[in-house]
């Protein structure tokens, strides 16, 4: 059995393709290969590399931005 190719991140390309439309910060950070503390720091500073959505007290990340940044093709 071969291991799925990683896209330079903490997730395989297939795992990234299968993400729902919105993910939490931990999942987004993992997809980008960023640890939890650094992910939250970047969001607080407004420098997270993809757009985020603040929904009340919760911050979500649209996966379209993650996929674009990582070069994972979006479905047609």
C-alpha atoms as a PDB file:
ATOM      1  CA  UNK A   1       0.000   0.000   0.000  1.00  0.00           C
ATOM      2  CA  UNK A   2       1.353   3.422  -0.900  1.00  0.00           C
ATOM      3  CA  UNK A   3       0.792   6.547   1.118  1.00  0.00           C
ATOM      4  CA  UNK A   4      -1.158   9.331  -0.573  1.00  0.00           C
ATOM      5  CA  UNK A   5       0.992  12.194  -1.787  1.00  0.00           C
ATOM      6  CA  UNK A   6       1.069  15.151   0.581  1.00  0.00           C
ATOM      7  CA  UNK A   7       0.721  18.579  -0.997  1.00  0.00           C
ATOM      8  CA  UNK A   8       3.438  20.139   1.155  1.00  0.00           C
ATOM      9  CA  UNK A   9       0.981  20.428   4.030  1.00  0.00           C
ATOM     10  CA  UNK A  10      -0.307  18.439   6.966  1.00  0.00           C
ATOM     11  CA  UNK A  11      -3.036  16.952   4.744  1.00  0.00           C
ATOM     12  CA  UNK A  12      -3.056  14.960   1.545  1.00  0.00           C
ATOM     13  CA  UNK A  13      -4.412  16.519  -1.613  1.00  0.00           C
ATOM     14  CA  UNK A  14      -7.364  14.118  -1.447  1.00  0.00           C
ATOM     15  CA  UNK A  15      -8.125  15.151   2.151  1.00  0.00           C
ATOM     16  CA  UNK A  16      -8.107  18.795   1.065  1.00  0.00           C
ATOM     17  CA  UNK A  17     -10.439  18.040  -1.859  1.00  0.00           C
ATOM     18  CA  UNK A  18     -12.897  16.379   0.530  1.00  0.00           C
ATOM     19  CA  UNK A  19     -13.139  19.293   2.976  1.00  0.00           C
ATOM     20  CA  UNK A  20     -16.598  20.860   3.414  1.00  0.00           C
ATOM     21  CA  UNK A  21     -17.312  24.427   2.270  1.00  0.00           C
ATOM     22  CA  UNK A  22     -16.295  25.895   5.655  1.00  0.00           C
ATOM     23  CA  UNK A  23     -13.790  24.536   8.162  1.00  0.00           C
ATOM     24  CA  UNK A  24     -12.657  25.564  11.630  1.00  0.00           C
ATOM     25  CA  UNK A  25      -9.318  27.259  12.234  1.00  0.00           C
ATOM     26  CA  UNK A  26      -7.558  24.099  13.403  1.00  0.00           C
ATOM     27  CA  UNK A  27      -8.458  22.269  10.188  1.00  0.00           C
ATOM     28  CA  UNK A  28      -7.441  25.224   8.026  1.00  0.00           C
ATOM     29  CA  UNK A  29      -4.127  25.497   9.841  1.00  0.00           C
ATOM     30  CA  UNK A  30      -3.486  21.782   9.455  1.00  0.00           C
ATOM     31  CA  UNK A  31      -4.216  22.008   5.718  1.00  0.00           C
ATOM     32  CA  UNK A  32      -1.625  24.780   5.483  1.00  0.00           C
ATOM     33  CA  UNK A  33       0.895  23.021   7.693  1.00  0.00           C
ATOM     34  CA  UNK A  34       0.533  25.652  10.439  1.00  0.00           C
ATOM     35  CA  UNK A  35       0.246  24.772  14.124  1.00  0.00           C
ATOM     36  CA  UNK A  36      -2.774  25.714  16.229  1.00  0.00           C
ATOM     37  CA  UNK A  37      -1.099  28.548  18.175  1.00  0.00           C
ATOM     38  CA  UNK A  38       0.375  30.126  15.056  1.00  0.00           C
ATOM     39  CA  UNK A  39      -2.967  29.805  13.234  1.00  0.00           C
ATOM     40  CA  UNK A  40      -4.784  31.705  15.985  1.00  0.00           C
ATOM     41  CA  UNK A  41      -2.000  34.299  16.149  1.00  0.00           C
ATOM     42  CA  UNK A  42      -2.217  34.965  12.405  1.00  0.00           C
ATOM     43  CA  UNK A  43      -6.000  35.329  12.589  1.00  0.00           C
ATOM     44  CA  UNK A  44      -5.745  37.762  15.526  1.00  0.00           C
ATOM     45  CA  UNK A  45      -3.167  39.810  13.600  1.00  0.00           C
ATOM     46  CA  UNK A  46      -5.286  39.756  10.442  1.00  0.00           C
ATOM     47  CA  UNK A  47      -2.487  38.068   8.505  1.00  0.00           C
ATOM     48  CA  UNK A  48      -3.911  34.565   7.987  1.00  0.00           C
ATOM     49  CA  UNK A  49      -3.057  33.711   4.356  1.00  0.00           C
ATOM     50  CA  UNK A  50      -6.662  33.071   3.271  1.00  0.00           C
ATOM     51  CA  UNK A  51      -9.931  34.903   3.994  1.00  0.00           C
ATOM     52  CA  UNK A  52     -11.780  34.053   7.205  1.00  0.00           C
ATOM     53  CA  UNK A  53     -15.397  34.562   8.251  1.00  0.00           C
ATOM     54  CA  UNK A  54     -16.313  35.669  11.763  1.00  0.00           C
ATOM     55  CA  UNK A  55     -19.715  34.187  12.595  1.00  0.00           C
ATOM     56  CA  UNK A  56     -20.558  35.491  16.037  1.00  0.00           C
ATOM     57  CA  UNK A  57     -17.829  34.158  18.326  1.00  0.00           C
ATOM     58  CA  UNK A  58     -16.735  31.512  15.795  1.00  0.00           C
ATOM     59  CA  UNK A  59     -14.233  31.978  12.977  1.00  0.00           C
ATOM     60  CA  UNK A  60     -14.584  29.758   9.911  1.00  0.00           C
ATOM     61  CA  UNK A  61     -12.441  29.446   6.803  1.00  0.00           C
ATOM     62  CA  UNK A  62     -13.956  28.924   3.334  1.00  0.00           C
ATOM     63  CA  UNK A  63     -12.142  25.990   1.770  1.00  0.00           C
ATOM     64  CA  UNK A  64     -12.175  27.578  -1.692  1.00  0.00           C
ATOM     65  CA  UNK A  65      -9.436  29.963  -0.506  1.00  0.00           C
ATOM     66  CA  UNK A  66      -7.415  27.111   0.962  1.00  0.00           C
ATOM     67  CA  UNK A  67      -7.686  25.078  -2.230  1.00  0.00           C
ATOM     68  CA  UNK A  68      -6.711  28.049  -4.386  1.00  0.00           C
ATOM     69  CA  UNK A  69      -3.678  28.877  -2.237  1.00  0.00           C
ATOM     70  CA  UNK A  70      -2.553  25.245  -2.230  1.00  0.00           C
ATOM     71  CA  UNK A  71      -3.139  24.769  -5.956  1.00  0.00           C
ATOM     72  CA  UNK A  72      -5.797  22.094  -5.480  1.00  0.00           C
ATOM     73  CA  UNK A  73      -8.161  22.230  -8.441  1.00  0.00           C
ATOM     74  CA  UNK A  74     -11.725  23.237  -7.682  1.00  0.00           C
ATOM     75  CA  UNK A  75     -14.469  21.065  -9.213  1.00  0.00           C
ATOM     76  CA  UNK A  76     -15.876  22.360 -12.488  1.00  0.00           C
END
